[in-house]
Amino acid sequence: MVYADSSFLTSGYLRDAHIAAFLRRMTVRPAIQVTPLHQVEFAHAIHLHVFYKKISDKEAASAFSEF
């Protein structure tokens, strides 16, 4: 089990510039421990992306449902 930074998780669900690293890592060791702190930080990151108009509400909803 690996403890991942929330920015790593966000990269995977928003498919940002770091998606290749996310996918590479998940192929090698797909098990990641997700804590309540990850959940809060993930939600905050997604909402910030919407606030700064980097993603749409629809994209945010998709990221939340996949997460």
C-alpha atoms as a PDB file:
ATOM      1  CA  MET A   1       0.000   0.000   0.000  1.00  0.00           C
ATOM      2  CA  VAL A   2       1.278   3.464  -0.884  1.00  0.00           C
ATOM      3  CA  TYR A   3       0.310   6.795   0.636  1.00  0.00           C
ATOM      4  CA  ALA A   4      -0.133   9.206  -2.254  1.00  0.00           C
ATOM      5  CA  ASP A   5      -0.196  12.969  -2.113  1.00  0.00           C
ATOM      6  CA  SER A   6      -3.623  14.382  -2.971  1.00  0.00           C
ATOM      7  CA  SER A   7      -2.145  16.260  -5.940  1.00  0.00           C
ATOM      8  CA  PHE A   8      -1.177  12.877  -7.390  1.00  0.00           C
ATOM      9  CA  LEU A   9      -4.781  11.733  -7.122  1.00  0.00           C
ATOM     10  CA  THR A  10      -6.089  14.980  -8.591  1.00  0.00           C
ATOM     11  CA  SER A  11      -3.781  14.556 -11.597  1.00  0.00           C
ATOM     12  CA  GLY A  12      -5.302  11.173 -12.293  1.00  0.00           C
ATOM     13  CA  TYR A  13      -8.891  12.278 -12.166  1.00  0.00           C
ATOM     14  CA  LEU A  14      -8.475  15.575 -13.997  1.00  0.00           C
ATOM     15  CA  ARG A  15      -6.052  14.130 -16.533  1.00  0.00           C
ATOM     16  CA  ASP A  16      -3.684  17.056 -16.271  1.00  0.00           C
ATOM     17  CA  ALA A  17      -0.044  17.352 -17.336  1.00  0.00           C
ATOM     18  CA  HIS A  18       0.949  14.636 -14.863  1.00  0.00           C
ATOM     19  CA  ILE A  19      -1.483  11.974 -16.102  1.00  0.00           C
ATOM     20  CA  ALA A  20       1.301   9.910 -17.704  1.00  0.00           C
ATOM     21  CA  ALA A  21       3.121   9.610 -14.370  1.00  0.00           C
ATOM     22  CA  PHE A  22      -0.152   8.756 -12.631  1.00  0.00           C
ATOM     23  CA  LEU A  23      -0.964   5.995 -15.120  1.00  0.00           C
ATOM     24  CA  ARG A  24       2.586   4.624 -15.033  1.00  0.00           C
ATOM     25  CA  ARG A  25       2.519   4.446 -11.238  1.00  0.00           C
ATOM     26  CA  MET A  26      -0.943   2.911 -11.117  1.00  0.00           C
ATOM     27  CA  THR A  27       0.103   0.215 -13.595  1.00  0.00           C
ATOM     28  CA  VAL A  28       2.990  -0.851 -11.379  1.00  0.00           C
ATOM     29  CA  ARG A  29       1.204  -0.698  -8.000  1.00  0.00           C
ATOM     30  CA  PRO A  30      -2.506   0.038  -8.295  1.00  0.00           C
ATOM     31  CA  ALA A  31      -3.326  -0.040  -4.569  1.00  0.00           C
ATOM     32  CA  ILE A  32      -3.390   3.387  -2.937  1.00  0.00           C
ATOM     33  CA  GLN A  33      -4.643   4.079   0.542  1.00  0.00           C
ATOM     34  CA  VAL A  34      -7.163   6.923   0.501  1.00  0.00           C
ATOM     35  CA  THR A  35      -7.750   8.668   3.817  1.00  0.00           C
ATOM     36  CA  PRO A  36     -10.446  11.148   4.844  1.00  0.00           C
ATOM     37  CA  LEU A  37      -7.802  13.872   4.417  1.00  0.00           C
ATOM     38  CA  HIS A  38      -7.344  12.815   0.774  1.00  0.00           C
ATOM     39  CA  GLN A  39     -11.077  13.074   0.249  1.00  0.00           C
ATOM     40  CA  VAL A  40     -11.220  16.607   1.636  1.00  0.00           C
ATOM     41  CA  GLU A  41      -8.120  17.755  -0.252  1.00  0.00           C
ATOM     42  CA  PHE A  42      -9.395  16.176  -3.481  1.00  0.00           C
ATOM     43  CA  ALA A  43     -12.739  17.971  -3.155  1.00  0.00           C
ATOM     44  CA  HIS A  44     -10.970  21.263  -2.440  1.00  0.00           C
ATOM     45  CA  ALA A  45      -8.682  20.847  -5.462  1.00  0.00           C
ATOM     46  CA  ILE A  46     -11.595  20.042  -7.766  1.00  0.00           C
ATOM     47  CA  HIS A  47     -13.580  23.044  -6.543  1.00  0.00           C
ATOM     48  CA  LEU A  48     -10.553  25.301  -7.057  1.00  0.00           C
ATOM     49  CA  HIS A  49     -10.232  24.075 -10.629  1.00  0.00           C
ATOM     50  CA  VAL A  50     -13.882  24.982 -11.204  1.00  0.00           C
ATOM     51  CA  PHE A  51     -13.460  28.358  -9.490  1.00  0.00           C
ATOM     52  CA  TYR A  52     -10.488  29.244 -11.714  1.00  0.00           C
ATOM     53  CA  LYS A  53     -12.412  27.967 -14.743  1.00  0.00           C
ATOM     54  CA  LYS A  54      -9.834  25.298 -15.549  1.00  0.00           C
ATOM     55  CA  ILE A  55     -12.627  22.717 -15.696  1.00  0.00           C
ATOM     56  CA  SER A  56     -16.401  22.837 -16.051  1.00  0.00           C
ATOM     57  CA  ASP A  57     -18.997  21.800 -13.494  1.00  0.00           C
ATOM     58  CA  LYS A  58     -19.642  18.738 -15.643  1.00  0.00           C
ATOM     59  CA  GLU A  59     -15.958  17.764 -15.582  1.00  0.00           C
ATOM     60  CA  ALA A  60     -15.902  18.255 -11.808  1.00  0.00           C
ATOM     61  CA  ALA A  61     -18.952  16.029 -11.384  1.00  0.00           C
ATOM     62  CA  SER A  62     -17.270  13.387 -13.516  1.00  0.00           C
ATOM     63  CA  ALA A  63     -14.087  13.549 -11.423  1.00  0.00           C
ATOM     64  CA  PHE A  64     -16.110  13.200  -8.213  1.00  0.00           C
ATOM     65  CA  SER A  65     -18.059  10.220  -9.525  1.00  0.00           C
ATOM     66  CA  GLU A  66     -14.887   8.469 -10.727  1.00  0.00           C
ATOM     67  CA  PHE A  67     -13.124   9.144  -7.430  1.00  0.00           C
END
